[in-house]
Amino acid sequence: MRYLPSVLQASEPDFPTALMFYRAALQTAKAQADPPWDPPADFMPGAEGHRRRFEWRGLLRRVNRFPEVEQGWQGLAGMTRRRVQGVPSVTLAGLEELACWFEANREHLDALSLPSYLLEVGDGKRDLVSTLCSKLDEGPRGWEAGEVAEQIRRLRARYGEE
């Protein structure tokens, strides 16, 4: 288990910050009383402890009671996914720069996407400009942050500074 953090730290410059964010979110969630992090005694009585905790947290996650925990987990999972799939890393600053370029060129990209509203984003893939925008809005902790960053890097290389 110790191998993964060292590999991510080497490949993801923002890994230490992401890990601190997740740990802080967990501490905050565990300290709050409503809803409690651990299931109350009357939740699934008779079930094993780990099963009760799993179901309780799943129930709370479905209603998004711990959004920072979910966001932190998604960020770390996205980093792991990028590492496994060979997707280049992305930093907060790097994604902000790409988002600024995208926004400055949004009108031009929209025009280029007509009539299908799809843009070639690399590797033979096409995507809607609005979908790229939504993925950018998820920020660096988004599940697909690395993929959308790479797609926008390719768009910027192809269409330049407009």
C-alpha atoms as a PDB file:
ATOM      1  CA  MET A   1       0.000   0.000   0.000  1.00  0.00           C
ATOM      2  CA  ARG A   2       2.898   2.348   0.603  1.00  0.00           C
ATOM      3  CA  TYR A   3       3.995   1.910  -3.024  1.00  0.00           C
ATOM      4  CA  LEU A   4       1.049   3.766  -4.562  1.00  0.00           C
ATOM      5  CA  PRO A   5       1.495   7.099  -2.725  1.00  0.00           C
ATOM      6  CA  SER A   6       5.186   7.240  -3.642  1.00  0.00           C
ATOM      7  CA  VAL A   7       4.382   6.489  -7.298  1.00  0.00           C
ATOM      8  CA  LEU A   8       1.614   9.106  -7.348  1.00  0.00           C
ATOM      9  CA  GLN A   9       3.815  11.645  -5.598  1.00  0.00           C
ATOM     10  CA  ALA A  10       6.399  11.154  -8.340  1.00  0.00           C
ATOM     11  CA  SER A  11       3.897  11.425 -11.204  1.00  0.00           C
ATOM     12  CA  GLU A  12       1.331  13.907  -9.819  1.00  0.00           C
ATOM     13  CA  PRO A  13       2.784  17.201  -8.530  1.00  0.00           C
ATOM     14  CA  ASP A  14      -0.441  18.036  -6.652  1.00  0.00           C
ATOM     15  CA  PHE A  15      -0.666  14.633  -4.913  1.00  0.00           C
ATOM     16  CA  PRO A  16       0.463  15.897  -1.459  1.00  0.00           C
ATOM     17  CA  THR A  17      -2.133  18.686  -1.583  1.00  0.00           C
ATOM     18  CA  ALA A  18      -4.859  16.285  -2.738  1.00  0.00           C
ATOM     19  CA  LEU A  19      -4.021  13.849   0.049  1.00  0.00           C
ATOM     20  CA  MET A  20      -4.088  16.627   2.661  1.00  0.00           C
ATOM     21  CA  PHE A  21      -7.479  17.794   1.319  1.00  0.00           C
ATOM     22  CA  TYR A  22      -8.895  14.267   1.583  1.00  0.00           C
ATOM     23  CA  ARG A  23      -7.537  13.689   5.080  1.00  0.00           C
ATOM     24  CA  ALA A  24      -8.930  17.037   6.278  1.00  0.00           C
ATOM     25  CA  ALA A  25     -12.327  16.220   4.729  1.00  0.00           C
ATOM     26  CA  LEU A  26     -12.358  12.871   6.536  1.00  0.00           C
ATOM     27  CA  GLN A  27     -11.502  14.511   9.862  1.00  0.00           C
ATOM     28  CA  THR A  28     -14.265  17.064   9.405  1.00  0.00           C
ATOM     29  CA  ALA A  29     -16.792  14.374   8.448  1.00  0.00           C
ATOM     30  CA  LYS A  30     -15.859  12.212  11.440  1.00  0.00           C
ATOM     31  CA  ALA A  31     -16.189  15.188  13.804  1.00  0.00           C
ATOM     32  CA  GLN A  32     -19.660  16.260  12.692  1.00  0.00           C
ATOM     33  CA  ALA A  33     -22.720  15.040  14.558  1.00  0.00           C
ATOM     34  CA  ASP A  34     -25.443  15.344  11.933  1.00  0.00           C
ATOM     35  CA  PRO A  35     -25.211  13.029  10.148  1.00  0.00           C
ATOM     36  CA  PRO A  36     -22.681  11.012  12.087  1.00  0.00           C
ATOM     37  CA  TRP A  37     -19.816   9.419  10.171  1.00  0.00           C
ATOM     38  CA  ASP A  38     -20.406   6.045  11.833  1.00  0.00           C
ATOM     39  CA  PRO A  39     -23.845   4.431  11.684  1.00  0.00           C
ATOM     40  CA  PRO A  40     -26.169   4.796  14.657  1.00  0.00           C
ATOM     41  CA  ALA A  41     -26.859   1.688  16.734  1.00  0.00           C
ATOM     42  CA  ASP A  42     -30.320   1.189  15.209  1.00  0.00           C
ATOM     43  CA  PHE A  43     -29.015   1.090  11.608  1.00  0.00           C
ATOM     44  CA  MET A  44     -28.952  -2.515  10.292  1.00  0.00           C
ATOM     45  CA  PRO A  45     -28.863  -4.145  13.726  1.00  0.00           C
ATOM     46  CA  GLY A  46     -27.246  -7.567  13.691  1.00  0.00           C
ATOM     47  CA  ALA A  47     -25.133  -6.863  10.601  1.00  0.00           C
ATOM     48  CA  GLU A  48     -21.359  -7.060  10.815  1.00  0.00           C
ATOM     49  CA  GLY A  49     -19.560  -3.808  11.624  1.00  0.00           C
ATOM     50  CA  HIS A  50     -17.832  -3.330   8.288  1.00  0.00           C
ATOM     51  CA  ARG A  51     -21.057  -4.085   6.378  1.00  0.00           C
ATOM     52  CA  ARG A  52     -23.006  -1.554   8.480  1.00  0.00           C
ATOM     53  CA  ARG A  53     -20.363   1.132   7.893  1.00  0.00           C
ATOM     54  CA  PHE A  54     -20.237   0.394   4.152  1.00  0.00           C
ATOM     55  CA  GLU A  55     -24.030   0.615   3.759  1.00  0.00           C
ATOM     56  CA  TRP A  56     -24.302   3.686   5.993  1.00  0.00           C
ATOM     57  CA  ARG A  57     -21.674   5.648   4.110  1.00  0.00           C
ATOM     58  CA  GLY A  58     -23.139   4.526   0.790  1.00  0.00           C
ATOM     59  CA  LEU A  59     -26.550   5.780   1.899  1.00  0.00           C
ATOM     60  CA  LEU A  60     -25.084   9.112   2.955  1.00  0.00           C
ATOM     61  CA  ARG A  61     -23.015   9.386  -0.226  1.00  0.00           C
ATOM     62  CA  ARG A  62     -26.134   8.964  -2.360  1.00  0.00           C
ATOM     63  CA  VAL A  63     -27.594  12.083  -0.743  1.00  0.00           C
ATOM     64  CA  ASN A  64     -24.170  13.783  -0.817  1.00  0.00           C
ATOM     65  CA  ARG A  65     -23.852  14.342   2.937  1.00  0.00           C
ATOM     66  CA  PHE A  66     -20.050  14.436   2.787  1.00  0.00           C
ATOM     67  CA  PRO A  67     -19.303  16.298  -0.473  1.00  0.00           C
ATOM     68  CA  GLU A  68     -15.730  17.189   0.480  1.00  0.00           C
ATOM     69  CA  VAL A  69     -14.931  13.545   1.251  1.00  0.00           C
ATOM     70  CA  GLU A  70     -16.386  12.525  -2.115  1.00  0.00           C
ATOM     71  CA  GLN A  71     -14.506  15.304  -3.901  1.00  0.00           C
ATOM     72  CA  GLY A  72     -11.232  14.336  -2.212  1.00  0.00           C
ATOM     73  CA  TRP A  73     -11.729  10.679  -3.034  1.00  0.00           C
ATOM     74  CA  GLN A  74     -12.525  11.472  -6.667  1.00  0.00           C
ATOM     75  CA  GLY A  75      -9.349  13.538  -6.924  1.00  0.00           C
ATOM     76  CA  LEU A  76      -7.148  10.752  -5.581  1.00  0.00           C
ATOM     77  CA  ALA A  77      -8.956   8.115  -7.637  1.00  0.00           C
ATOM     78  CA  GLY A  78      -8.543  10.260 -10.750  1.00  0.00           C
ATOM     79  CA  MET A  79      -4.791  10.506 -10.101  1.00  0.00           C
ATOM     80  CA  THR A  80      -4.578   6.739  -9.696  1.00  0.00           C
ATOM     81  CA  ARG A  81      -6.590   6.231 -12.872  1.00  0.00           C
ATOM     82  CA  ARG A  82      -4.326   8.598 -14.812  1.00  0.00           C
ATOM     83  CA  ARG A  83      -1.244   6.733 -13.603  1.00  0.00           C
ATOM     84  CA  VAL A  84      -2.666   3.329 -14.543  1.00  0.00           C
ATOM     85  CA  GLN A  85      -3.927   4.485 -17.947  1.00  0.00           C
ATOM     86  CA  GLY A  86      -0.834   6.528 -18.818  1.00  0.00           C
ATOM     87  CA  VAL A  87      -2.697   9.838 -18.986  1.00  0.00           C
ATOM     88  CA  PRO A  88      -0.464  12.860 -18.329  1.00  0.00           C
ATOM     89  CA  SER A  89      -0.871  14.516 -14.951  1.00  0.00           C
ATOM     90  CA  VAL A  90      -2.541  17.868 -14.505  1.00  0.00           C
ATOM     91  CA  THR A  91      -2.003  20.454 -11.789  1.00  0.00           C
ATOM     92  CA  LEU A  92      -4.490  22.982 -10.474  1.00  0.00           C
ATOM     93  CA  ALA A  93      -2.513  25.782 -12.130  1.00  0.00           C
ATOM     94  CA  GLY A  94      -2.244  23.854 -15.378  1.00  0.00           C
ATOM     95  CA  LEU A  95      -5.955  23.127 -15.517  1.00  0.00           C
ATOM     96  CA  GLU A  96      -6.794  26.761 -14.741  1.00  0.00           C
ATOM     97  CA  GLU A  97      -4.558  27.889 -17.605  1.00  0.00           C
ATOM     98  CA  LEU A  98      -6.240  25.442 -19.983  1.00  0.00           C
ATOM     99  CA  ALA A  99      -9.694  26.508 -18.783  1.00  0.00           C
ATOM    100  CA  CYS A 100      -8.813  30.157 -19.453  1.00  0.00           C
ATOM    101  CA  TRP A 101      -7.652  29.304 -22.979  1.00  0.00           C
ATOM    102  CA  PHE A 102     -10.785  27.242 -23.553  1.00  0.00           C
ATOM    103  CA  GLU A 103     -13.068  30.048 -22.372  1.00  0.00           C
ATOM    104  CA  ALA A 104     -11.224  32.659 -24.459  1.00  0.00           C
ATOM    105  CA  ASN A 105     -11.623  30.420 -27.515  1.00  0.00           C
ATOM    106  CA  ARG A 106     -15.058  28.999 -26.767  1.00  0.00           C
ATOM    107  CA  GLU A 107     -16.880  30.929 -29.476  1.00  0.00           C
ATOM    108  CA  HIS A 108     -14.321  29.863 -32.101  1.00  0.00           C
ATOM    109  CA  LEU A 109     -14.478  26.223 -30.933  1.00  0.00           C
ATOM    110  CA  ASP A 110     -18.288  26.306 -31.075  1.00  0.00           C
ATOM    111  CA  ALA A 111     -18.094  27.546 -34.680  1.00  0.00           C
ATOM    112  CA  LEU A 112     -15.554  24.865 -35.604  1.00  0.00           C
ATOM    113  CA  SER A 113     -17.791  22.157 -34.174  1.00  0.00           C
ATOM    114  CA  LEU A 114     -20.691  22.903 -36.512  1.00  0.00           C
ATOM    115  CA  PRO A 115     -22.793  21.315 -37.911  1.00  0.00           C
ATOM    116  CA  SER A 116     -22.428  18.257 -35.664  1.00  0.00           C
ATOM    117  CA  TYR A 117     -21.399  20.229 -32.534  1.00  0.00           C
ATOM    118  CA  LEU A 118     -18.555  17.714 -32.126  1.00  0.00           C
ATOM    119  CA  LEU A 119     -14.844  18.515 -32.074  1.00  0.00           C
ATOM    120  CA  GLU A 120     -11.975  16.145 -32.799  1.00  0.00           C
ATOM    121  CA  VAL A 121     -10.173  15.954 -29.417  1.00  0.00           C
ATOM    122  CA  GLY A 122      -7.443  13.456 -30.297  1.00  0.00           C
ATOM    123  CA  ASP A 123      -6.975   9.735 -30.737  1.00  0.00           C
ATOM    124  CA  GLY A 124      -9.935   9.682 -33.125  1.00  0.00           C
ATOM    125  CA  LYS A 125     -12.301  10.796 -30.364  1.00  0.00           C
ATOM    126  CA  ARG A 126     -14.862  13.534 -30.737  1.00  0.00           C
ATOM    127  CA  ASP A 127     -16.653  15.416 -28.003  1.00  0.00           C
ATOM    128  CA  LEU A 128     -19.192  18.185 -27.564  1.00  0.00           C
ATOM    129  CA  VAL A 129     -17.831  21.598 -26.620  1.00  0.00           C
ATOM    130  CA  SER A 130     -20.441  21.719 -23.835  1.00  0.00           C
ATOM    131  CA  THR A 131     -19.222  18.362 -22.480  1.00  0.00           C
ATOM    132  CA  LEU A 132     -15.635  19.622 -22.370  1.00  0.00           C
ATOM    133  CA  CYS A 133     -16.898  22.691 -20.533  1.00  0.00           C
ATOM    134  CA  SER A 134     -18.734  20.533 -17.975  1.00  0.00           C
ATOM    135  CA  LYS A 135     -15.653  18.390 -17.398  1.00  0.00           C
ATOM    136  CA  LEU A 136     -13.559  21.519 -16.887  1.00  0.00           C
ATOM    137  CA  ASP A 137     -16.089  22.772 -14.348  1.00  0.00           C
ATOM    138  CA  GLU A 138     -15.371  19.667 -12.226  1.00  0.00           C
ATOM    139  CA  GLY A 139     -11.862  21.037 -11.698  1.00  0.00           C
ATOM    140  CA  PRO A 140      -8.639  19.203 -10.916  1.00  0.00           C
ATOM    141  CA  ARG A 141     -10.391  16.790  -8.557  1.00  0.00           C
ATOM    142  CA  GLY A 142     -12.745  15.673 -11.298  1.00  0.00           C
ATOM    143  CA  TRP A 143     -12.586  12.025 -12.294  1.00  0.00           C
ATOM    144  CA  GLU A 144     -11.603  12.927 -15.871  1.00  0.00           C
ATOM    145  CA  ALA A 145      -9.422  15.977 -15.160  1.00  0.00           C
ATOM    146  CA  GLY A 146      -6.363  14.470 -16.834  1.00  0.00           C
ATOM    147  CA  GLU A 147      -8.257  13.376 -19.916  1.00  0.00           C
ATOM    148  CA  VAL A 148      -9.977  16.724 -20.431  1.00  0.00           C
ATOM    149  CA  ALA A 149      -6.686  18.552 -19.858  1.00  0.00           C
ATOM    150  CA  GLU A 150      -5.030  16.419 -22.532  1.00  0.00           C
ATOM    151  CA  GLN A 151      -7.928  17.030 -24.930  1.00  0.00           C
ATOM    152  CA  ILE A 152      -7.719  20.786 -24.425  1.00  0.00           C
ATOM    153  CA  ARG A 153      -3.920  20.698 -24.820  1.00  0.00           C
ATOM    154  CA  ARG A 154      -4.497  19.042 -28.197  1.00  0.00           C
ATOM    155  CA  LEU A 155      -7.149  21.575 -29.183  1.00  0.00           C
ATOM    156  CA  ARG A 156      -4.818  24.433 -28.228  1.00  0.00           C
ATOM    157  CA  ALA A 157      -1.973  22.863 -30.230  1.00  0.00           C
ATOM    158  CA  ARG A 158      -4.256  22.443 -33.257  1.00  0.00           C
ATOM    159  CA  TYR A 159      -6.044  25.798 -33.172  1.00  0.00           C
ATOM    160  CA  GLY A 160      -3.501  27.957 -31.341  1.00  0.00           C
ATOM    161  CA  GLU A 161      -4.136  31.234 -29.639  1.00  0.00           C
ATOM    162  CA  GLU A 162      -7.129  32.857 -31.261  1.00  0.00           C
END
